[in-house]
Amino acid sequence: MFSSMFIVMSLAGCPLEPVADATVNDAITIISREAETGTLLFSKGDCLAVRIFTKSPFTHVATIVREEDQITVYDSMNGVGVRKQSLRDYLKNRGGDVLHIYHPSQAFDVQKSNKFKQHLEQKIGTPYAVRHHLSGKRGQGVHCAEYMTDALQACNILKAKNPANVSPGSLFRGVTMYNIYQTGQIIALTSAAPAEDEKGNNRCHQWWIDTKVCTWKCCHKLKGWFFCK
């Protein structure tokens, strides 16, 4: 149970209706209104490995550091490792996901913000690793939920017995169950699929368009299942 892993040191609102079919620009506008340092971006994606193993629909988690109007997203990604990106670049790679945006119930003060950012920055370039999630022992790399948990520990927002064991789903349950975080928007991002309303010049051309759209959808879905982004 997550409660045995976390000793909480610090209001989750009612769930909102998701903003459906949001473009990247839509999501940037929505997130930018409320994002603050410590905001967590939980993703519900297609990755079967994470969903089956963790028994949760959440497949990824990232966080935000905000300095005036500049929003930077930090996460650890399979095949990439620990990185930081602009909000736009991050969202471009989350097409088809449903993002659950959660904000700290109490805004980070200057000291917490500095410690949080410092930890995030220190880990940039660390390779991605998830095998040690099974044992709970630290490995040479970090996975996304482990990275977030360590950063929150660094600024005394929470404590975890085994950060390597934390999954996106268990982190979500912990920070909401104990009212450390409160709900923001839920955003269902669109996928950049080929235009389905494209019309062919003749029957053969239309078959080609239909095949192209169908193939793209199948490949995109399979990629999400097995090549977790």
C-alpha atoms as a PDB file:
ATOM      1  CA  MET A   1       0.000   0.000   0.000  1.00  0.00           C
ATOM      2  CA  PHE A   2       1.160   3.512  -0.807  1.00  0.00           C
ATOM      3  CA  SER A   3       0.290   4.675   2.708  1.00  0.00           C
ATOM      4  CA  SER A   4       2.971   2.406   4.161  1.00  0.00           C
ATOM      5  CA  MET A   5       5.556   3.864   1.797  1.00  0.00           C
ATOM      6  CA  PHE A   6       4.849   7.513   2.466  1.00  0.00           C
ATOM      7  CA  ILE A   7       4.984   9.574   5.638  1.00  0.00           C
ATOM      8  CA  VAL A   8       3.143  12.684   4.631  1.00  0.00           C
ATOM      9  CA  MET A   9       4.346  16.053   5.914  1.00  0.00           C
ATOM     10  CA  SER A  10       1.925  18.417   4.411  1.00  0.00           C
ATOM     11  CA  LEU A  11      -7.015  19.533  -0.848  1.00  0.00           C
ATOM     12  CA  ALA A  12      -7.868  17.476  -3.616  1.00  0.00           C
ATOM     13  CA  GLY A  13     -10.874  18.961  -5.368  1.00  0.00           C
ATOM     14  CA  CYS A  14     -13.607  17.177  -7.217  1.00  0.00           C
ATOM     15  CA  PRO A  15     -12.702  15.742 -10.608  1.00  0.00           C
ATOM     16  CA  LEU A  16     -13.391  17.981 -13.548  1.00  0.00           C
ATOM     17  CA  GLU A  17     -14.768  17.053 -16.935  1.00  0.00           C
ATOM     18  CA  PRO A  18     -11.852  16.619 -19.333  1.00  0.00           C
ATOM     19  CA  VAL A  19     -11.179  19.199 -22.007  1.00  0.00           C
ATOM     20  CA  ALA A  20     -11.574  16.863 -24.989  1.00  0.00           C
ATOM     21  CA  ASP A  21      -9.627  16.956 -28.272  1.00  0.00           C
ATOM     22  CA  ALA A  22      -7.307  19.684 -27.043  1.00  0.00           C
ATOM     23  CA  THR A  23      -4.522  20.756 -29.372  1.00  0.00           C
ATOM     24  CA  VAL A  24      -1.043  21.552 -28.110  1.00  0.00           C
ATOM     25  CA  ASN A  25      -1.896  25.262 -28.212  1.00  0.00           C
ATOM     26  CA  ASP A  26      -5.122  24.634 -26.269  1.00  0.00           C
ATOM     27  CA  ALA A  27      -3.216  22.687 -23.612  1.00  0.00           C
ATOM     28  CA  ILE A  28      -0.526  25.361 -23.305  1.00  0.00           C
ATOM     29  CA  THR A  29      -3.186  28.027 -22.731  1.00  0.00           C
ATOM     30  CA  ILE A  30      -4.993  25.941 -20.109  1.00  0.00           C
ATOM     31  CA  ILE A  31      -1.895  24.827 -18.216  1.00  0.00           C
ATOM     32  CA  SER A  32      -0.243  28.251 -18.302  1.00  0.00           C
ATOM     33  CA  ARG A  33      -3.157  29.823 -16.434  1.00  0.00           C
ATOM     34  CA  GLU A  34      -2.510  27.862 -13.244  1.00  0.00           C
ATOM     35  CA  ALA A  35       0.854  26.110 -13.513  1.00  0.00           C
ATOM     36  CA  GLU A  36       3.320  26.731 -10.718  1.00  0.00           C
ATOM     37  CA  THR A  37       6.543  25.232  -9.526  1.00  0.00           C
ATOM     38  CA  GLY A  38       5.727  21.718  -8.323  1.00  0.00           C
ATOM     39  CA  THR A  39       2.710  21.198 -10.566  1.00  0.00           C
ATOM     40  CA  LEU A  40       2.545  17.516 -11.583  1.00  0.00           C
ATOM     41  CA  LEU A  41       1.457  16.297 -15.016  1.00  0.00           C
ATOM     42  CA  PHE A  42       0.083  12.752 -14.767  1.00  0.00           C
ATOM     43  CA  SER A  43      -0.468  10.999 -18.098  1.00  0.00           C
ATOM     44  CA  LYS A  44      -2.958   8.283 -18.939  1.00  0.00           C
ATOM     45  CA  GLY A  45      -1.389   6.706 -21.995  1.00  0.00           C
ATOM     46  CA  ASP A  46      -1.472   3.422 -23.894  1.00  0.00           C
ATOM     47  CA  CYS A  47       1.667   1.778 -22.476  1.00  0.00           C
ATOM     48  CA  LEU A  48       0.503  -1.750 -21.602  1.00  0.00           C
ATOM     49  CA  ALA A  49       3.625  -2.646 -19.646  1.00  0.00           C
ATOM     50  CA  VAL A  50       3.146   0.156 -17.122  1.00  0.00           C
ATOM     51  CA  ARG A  51      -0.635  -0.201 -16.931  1.00  0.00           C
ATOM     52  CA  ILE A  52      -0.531  -3.950 -16.308  1.00  0.00           C
ATOM     53  CA  PHE A  53       2.405  -3.983 -13.911  1.00  0.00           C
ATOM     54  CA  THR A  54       1.262  -1.037 -11.769  1.00  0.00           C
ATOM     55  CA  LYS A  55      -2.494  -1.821 -12.042  1.00  0.00           C
ATOM     56  CA  SER A  56      -3.079   1.844 -12.802  1.00  0.00           C
ATOM     57  CA  PRO A  57      -4.096   3.807 -15.914  1.00  0.00           C
ATOM     58  CA  PHE A  58      -1.353   6.349 -15.213  1.00  0.00           C
ATOM     59  CA  THR A  59       1.700   5.643 -17.340  1.00  0.00           C
ATOM     60  CA  HIS A  60       3.904   8.709 -16.858  1.00  0.00           C
ATOM     61  CA  VAL A  61       4.452  11.713 -14.620  1.00  0.00           C
ATOM     62  CA  ALA A  62       6.354  14.958 -15.119  1.00  0.00           C
ATOM     63  CA  THR A  63       6.657  18.203 -13.203  1.00  0.00           C
ATOM     64  CA  ILE A  64       6.836  21.923 -13.857  1.00  0.00           C
ATOM     65  CA  VAL A  65       9.169  24.674 -12.718  1.00  0.00           C
ATOM     66  CA  ARG A  66       7.774  28.140 -13.348  1.00  0.00           C
ATOM     67  CA  GLU A  67       9.896  31.263 -13.344  1.00  0.00           C
ATOM     68  CA  GLU A  68       7.743  34.278 -14.216  1.00  0.00           C
ATOM     69  CA  ASP A  69       6.197  33.384 -17.608  1.00  0.00           C
ATOM     70  CA  GLN A  70       8.693  30.638 -18.436  1.00  0.00           C
ATOM     71  CA  ILE A  71       7.426  27.095 -17.877  1.00  0.00           C
ATOM     72  CA  THR A  72       9.900  24.210 -17.960  1.00  0.00           C
ATOM     73  CA  VAL A  73       8.895  20.547 -17.796  1.00  0.00           C
ATOM     74  CA  TYR A  74      11.147  17.911 -16.209  1.00  0.00           C
ATOM     75  CA  ASP A  75      10.757  14.147 -16.557  1.00  0.00           C
ATOM     76  CA  SER A  76      12.612  10.874 -17.100  1.00  0.00           C
ATOM     77  CA  MET A  77      11.707   9.097 -20.318  1.00  0.00           C
ATOM     78  CA  ASN A  78      12.432   5.661 -21.709  1.00  0.00           C
ATOM     79  CA  GLY A  79      15.201   5.903 -24.301  1.00  0.00           C
ATOM     80  CA  VAL A  80      16.066   9.469 -23.301  1.00  0.00           C
ATOM     81  CA  GLY A  81      16.663   9.680 -19.566  1.00  0.00           C
ATOM     82  CA  VAL A  82      16.211  12.715 -17.363  1.00  0.00           C
ATOM     83  CA  ARG A  83      15.558  15.859 -19.386  1.00  0.00           C
ATOM     84  CA  LYS A  84      13.986  19.291 -19.338  1.00  0.00           C
ATOM     85  CA  GLN A  85      11.886  20.810 -22.125  1.00  0.00           C
ATOM     86  CA  SER A  86       9.590  23.678 -22.893  1.00  0.00           C
ATOM     87  CA  LEU A  87       5.932  22.969 -22.224  1.00  0.00           C
ATOM     88  CA  ARG A  88       5.261  23.007 -25.984  1.00  0.00           C
ATOM     89  CA  ASP A  89       7.941  20.424 -26.746  1.00  0.00           C
ATOM     90  CA  TYR A  90       6.726  18.186 -23.944  1.00  0.00           C
ATOM     91  CA  LEU A  91       3.109  18.282 -25.103  1.00  0.00           C
ATOM     92  CA  LYS A  92       4.041  17.553 -28.719  1.00  0.00           C
ATOM     93  CA  ASN A  93       5.111  14.057 -27.638  1.00  0.00           C
ATOM     94  CA  ARG A  94       2.018  13.337 -25.527  1.00  0.00           C
ATOM     95  CA  GLY A  95      -0.522  13.257 -28.380  1.00  0.00           C
ATOM     96  CA  GLY A  96      -3.422  10.922 -27.563  1.00  0.00           C
ATOM     97  CA  ASP A  97      -2.761  11.002 -23.827  1.00  0.00           C
ATOM     98  CA  VAL A  98      -5.119  12.302 -21.159  1.00  0.00           C
ATOM     99  CA  LEU A  99      -3.258  14.683 -18.857  1.00  0.00           C
ATOM    100  CA  HIS A 100      -4.338  15.110 -15.254  1.00  0.00           C
ATOM    101  CA  ILE A 101      -2.917  18.365 -13.931  1.00  0.00           C
ATOM    102  CA  TYR A 102      -2.394  18.595 -10.168  1.00  0.00           C
ATOM    103  CA  HIS A 103      -1.134  21.603  -8.224  1.00  0.00           C
ATOM    104  CA  PRO A 104       0.394  21.805  -4.711  1.00  0.00           C
ATOM    105  CA  SER A 105      -2.296  22.500  -2.123  1.00  0.00           C
ATOM    106  CA  GLN A 106       0.150  24.971  -0.606  1.00  0.00           C
ATOM    107  CA  ALA A 107       2.314  26.902  -3.026  1.00  0.00           C
ATOM    108  CA  PHE A 108       6.039  26.259  -2.691  1.00  0.00           C
ATOM    109  CA  ASP A 109       7.860  29.076  -0.930  1.00  0.00           C
ATOM    110  CA  VAL A 110      11.183  30.351  -2.274  1.00  0.00           C
ATOM    111  CA  GLN A 111      13.235  27.847  -0.288  1.00  0.00           C
ATOM    112  CA  LYS A 112      11.165  24.848  -1.381  1.00  0.00           C
ATOM    113  CA  SER A 113      11.164  26.057  -4.981  1.00  0.00           C
ATOM    114  CA  ASN A 114      14.927  26.394  -5.006  1.00  0.00           C
ATOM    115  CA  LYS A 115      15.525  22.964  -3.494  1.00  0.00           C
ATOM    116  CA  PHE A 116      13.013  21.388  -5.862  1.00  0.00           C
ATOM    117  CA  LYS A 117      14.608  22.924  -8.944  1.00  0.00           C
ATOM    118  CA  GLN A 118      18.113  22.183  -7.720  1.00  0.00           C
ATOM    119  CA  HIS A 119      17.378  18.485  -7.418  1.00  0.00           C
ATOM    120  CA  LEU A 120      15.698  18.360 -10.812  1.00  0.00           C
ATOM    121  CA  GLU A 121      18.630  20.113 -12.467  1.00  0.00           C
ATOM    122  CA  GLN A 122      21.245  17.922 -10.794  1.00  0.00           C
ATOM    123  CA  LYS A 123      19.720  14.778 -12.295  1.00  0.00           C
ATOM    124  CA  ILE A 124      19.548  15.976 -15.917  1.00  0.00           C
ATOM    125  CA  GLY A 125      21.316  13.465 -18.131  1.00  0.00           C
ATOM    126  CA  THR A 126      20.780  10.544 -15.737  1.00  0.00           C
ATOM    127  CA  PRO A 127      19.799   7.476 -17.792  1.00  0.00           C
ATOM    128  CA  TYR A 128      16.301   6.048 -17.632  1.00  0.00           C
ATOM    129  CA  ALA A 129      15.954   2.765 -15.755  1.00  0.00           C
ATOM    130  CA  VAL A 130      12.987   0.847 -14.439  1.00  0.00           C
ATOM    131  CA  ARG A 131      14.205  -2.688 -13.650  1.00  0.00           C
ATOM    132  CA  HIS A 132      15.069  -1.704 -10.084  1.00  0.00           C
ATOM    133  CA  HIS A 133      11.372  -0.864  -9.553  1.00  0.00           C
ATOM    134  CA  LEU A 134      10.927  -4.600  -8.905  1.00  0.00           C
ATOM    135  CA  SER A 135      13.465  -4.796  -6.090  1.00  0.00           C
ATOM    136  CA  GLY A 136      13.053  -1.315  -4.668  1.00  0.00           C
ATOM    137  CA  LYS A 137      16.816  -0.948  -4.565  1.00  0.00           C
ATOM    138  CA  ARG A 138      18.475   2.002  -6.231  1.00  0.00           C
ATOM    139  CA  GLY A 139      19.882   1.493  -9.720  1.00  0.00           C
ATOM    140  CA  GLN A 140      22.172   3.497 -11.976  1.00  0.00           C
ATOM    141  CA  GLY A 141      19.229   5.285 -13.581  1.00  0.00           C
ATOM    142  CA  VAL A 142      15.835   6.619 -12.520  1.00  0.00           C
ATOM    143  CA  HIS A 143      12.291   6.222 -13.803  1.00  0.00           C
ATOM    144  CA  CYS A 144       9.762   9.042 -13.952  1.00  0.00           C
ATOM    145  CA  ALA A 145       7.916   8.492 -10.662  1.00  0.00           C
ATOM    146  CA  GLU A 146      11.180   7.895  -8.796  1.00  0.00           C
ATOM    147  CA  TYR A 147      12.567  11.184 -10.162  1.00  0.00           C
ATOM    148  CA  MET A 148       9.443  13.090  -9.074  1.00  0.00           C
ATOM    149  CA  THR A 149       9.409  11.468  -5.638  1.00  0.00           C
ATOM    150  CA  ASP A 150      13.062  12.304  -5.014  1.00  0.00           C
ATOM    151  CA  ALA A 151      12.489  15.931  -6.015  1.00  0.00           C
ATOM    152  CA  LEU A 152       9.498  16.241  -3.679  1.00  0.00           C
ATOM    153  CA  GLN A 153      11.526  14.693  -0.886  1.00  0.00           C
ATOM    154  CA  ALA A 154      14.358  17.146  -1.517  1.00  0.00           C
ATOM    155  CA  CYS A 155      12.085  20.042  -0.560  1.00  0.00           C
ATOM    156  CA  ASN A 156      10.337  18.207   2.307  1.00  0.00           C
ATOM    157  CA  ILE A 157       6.943  17.888   0.645  1.00  0.00           C
ATOM    158  CA  LEU A 158       6.803  14.156   1.422  1.00  0.00           C
ATOM    159  CA  LYS A 159       8.961  11.231   2.415  1.00  0.00           C
ATOM    160  CA  ALA A 160       9.127   7.819   0.787  1.00  0.00           C
ATOM    161  CA  LYS A 161      10.591   4.624   2.170  1.00  0.00           C
ATOM    162  CA  ASN A 162      11.444   3.200  -1.264  1.00  0.00           C
ATOM    163  CA  PRO A 163      11.247   5.829  -4.017  1.00  0.00           C
ATOM    164  CA  ALA A 164      12.281   3.242  -6.607  1.00  0.00           C
ATOM    165  CA  ASN A 165       9.045   1.343  -5.865  1.00  0.00           C
ATOM    166  CA  VAL A 166       6.848   4.354  -6.530  1.00  0.00           C
ATOM    167  CA  SER A 167       4.866   4.266  -9.786  1.00  0.00           C
ATOM    168  CA  PRO A 168       2.958   7.120 -11.440  1.00  0.00           C
ATOM    169  CA  GLY A 169      -0.257   5.572 -10.076  1.00  0.00           C
ATOM    170  CA  SER A 170       0.967   5.207  -6.498  1.00  0.00           C
ATOM    171  CA  LEU A 171       2.422   8.725  -6.513  1.00  0.00           C
ATOM    172  CA  PHE A 172      -0.953  10.022  -7.729  1.00  0.00           C
ATOM    173  CA  ARG A 173      -2.789   8.169  -4.958  1.00  0.00           C
ATOM    174  CA  GLY A 174      -0.389   9.388  -2.297  1.00  0.00           C
ATOM    175  CA  VAL A 175      -0.371  13.093  -3.115  1.00  0.00           C
ATOM    176  CA  THR A 176      -4.160  13.207  -3.558  1.00  0.00           C
ATOM    177  CA  MET A 177      -5.162  10.867  -0.725  1.00  0.00           C
ATOM    178  CA  TYR A 178      -3.280  12.982   1.782  1.00  0.00           C
ATOM    179  CA  ASN A 179      -4.297  16.318   0.249  1.00  0.00           C
ATOM    180  CA  ILE A 180      -0.756  17.340  -0.653  1.00  0.00           C
ATOM    181  CA  TYR A 181      -2.023  18.155  -4.146  1.00  0.00           C
ATOM    182  CA  GLN A 182      -5.343  19.381  -5.505  1.00  0.00           C
ATOM    183  CA  THR A 183      -6.879  18.794  -8.878  1.00  0.00           C
ATOM    184  CA  GLY A 184      -6.526  21.127 -11.799  1.00  0.00           C
ATOM    185  CA  GLN A 185      -7.663  20.513 -15.362  1.00  0.00           C
ATOM    186  CA  ILE A 186      -7.965  17.209 -17.202  1.00  0.00           C
ATOM    187  CA  ILE A 187      -6.889  17.540 -20.821  1.00  0.00           C
ATOM    188  CA  ALA A 188      -7.429  14.926 -23.541  1.00  0.00           C
ATOM    189  CA  LEU A 189      -4.803  15.713 -26.168  1.00  0.00           C
ATOM    190  CA  THR A 190      -5.499  15.081 -29.828  1.00  0.00           C
ATOM    191  CA  SER A 191      -3.253  12.895 -31.973  1.00  0.00           C
ATOM    192  CA  ALA A 192      -1.824  14.338 -35.160  1.00  0.00           C
ATOM    193  CA  ALA A 193      -3.576  11.814 -37.392  1.00  0.00           C
ATOM    194  CA  PRO A 194      -3.880  12.213 -41.153  1.00  0.00           C
ATOM    195  CA  ALA A 195      -6.977  14.173 -42.135  1.00  0.00           C
ATOM    196  CA  GLU A 196      -9.944  11.782 -42.232  1.00  0.00           C
ATOM    197  CA  ASP A 197     -12.054  14.198 -44.275  1.00  0.00           C
ATOM    198  CA  GLU A 198      -9.617  14.110 -47.189  1.00  0.00           C
ATOM    199  CA  LYS A 199     -11.458  13.023 -50.344  1.00  0.00           C
ATOM    200  CA  GLY A 200      -9.896  11.067 -53.176  1.00  0.00           C
ATOM    201  CA  ASN A 201     -10.095  12.007 -56.838  1.00  0.00           C
ATOM    202  CA  ASN A 202     -11.311   8.503 -57.737  1.00  0.00           C
ATOM    203  CA  ARG A 203     -12.023   5.132 -56.133  1.00  0.00           C
ATOM    204  CA  CYS A 204      -8.393   3.982 -56.078  1.00  0.00           C
ATOM    205  CA  HIS A 205      -7.256   7.280 -54.607  1.00  0.00           C
ATOM    206  CA  GLN A 206      -9.927   7.039 -51.907  1.00  0.00           C
ATOM    207  CA  TRP A 207      -8.834   3.475 -51.059  1.00  0.00           C
ATOM    208  CA  TRP A 208      -5.297   4.790 -50.625  1.00  0.00           C
ATOM    209  CA  ILE A 209      -6.449   7.580 -48.300  1.00  0.00           C
ATOM    210  CA  ASP A 210      -8.566   5.181 -46.224  1.00  0.00           C
ATOM    211  CA  THR A 211      -5.676   2.712 -45.997  1.00  0.00           C
ATOM    212  CA  LYS A 212      -3.272   5.460 -44.976  1.00  0.00           C
ATOM    213  CA  VAL A 213      -5.532   6.680 -42.177  1.00  0.00           C
ATOM    214  CA  CYS A 214      -6.271   3.149 -40.923  1.00  0.00           C
ATOM    215  CA  THR A 215      -2.600   2.144 -40.997  1.00  0.00           C
ATOM    216  CA  TRP A 216      -1.561   5.281 -39.136  1.00  0.00           C
ATOM    217  CA  LYS A 217      -4.114   4.660 -36.404  1.00  0.00           C
ATOM    218  CA  CYS A 218      -3.057   1.027 -35.975  1.00  0.00           C
ATOM    219  CA  CYS A 219       0.657   1.853 -35.883  1.00  0.00           C
ATOM    220  CA  HIS A 220       0.119   4.739 -33.487  1.00  0.00           C
ATOM    221  CA  LYS A 221      -1.883   2.518 -31.138  1.00  0.00           C
ATOM    222  CA  LEU A 222       0.667  -0.315 -31.230  1.00  0.00           C
ATOM    223  CA  LYS A 223       3.522   2.120 -30.689  1.00  0.00           C
ATOM    224  CA  GLY A 224       1.777   3.434 -27.599  1.00  0.00           C
ATOM    225  CA  TRP A 225       1.286  -0.096 -26.258  1.00  0.00           C
ATOM    226  CA  PHE A 226       4.835  -1.340 -26.624  1.00  0.00           C
ATOM    227  CA  PHE A 227       7.140   1.676 -27.044  1.00  0.00           C
ATOM    228  CA  CYS A 228       6.086   3.697 -24.047  1.00  0.00           C
ATOM    229  CA  LYS A 229       6.622   7.416 -24.645  1.00  0.00           C
END
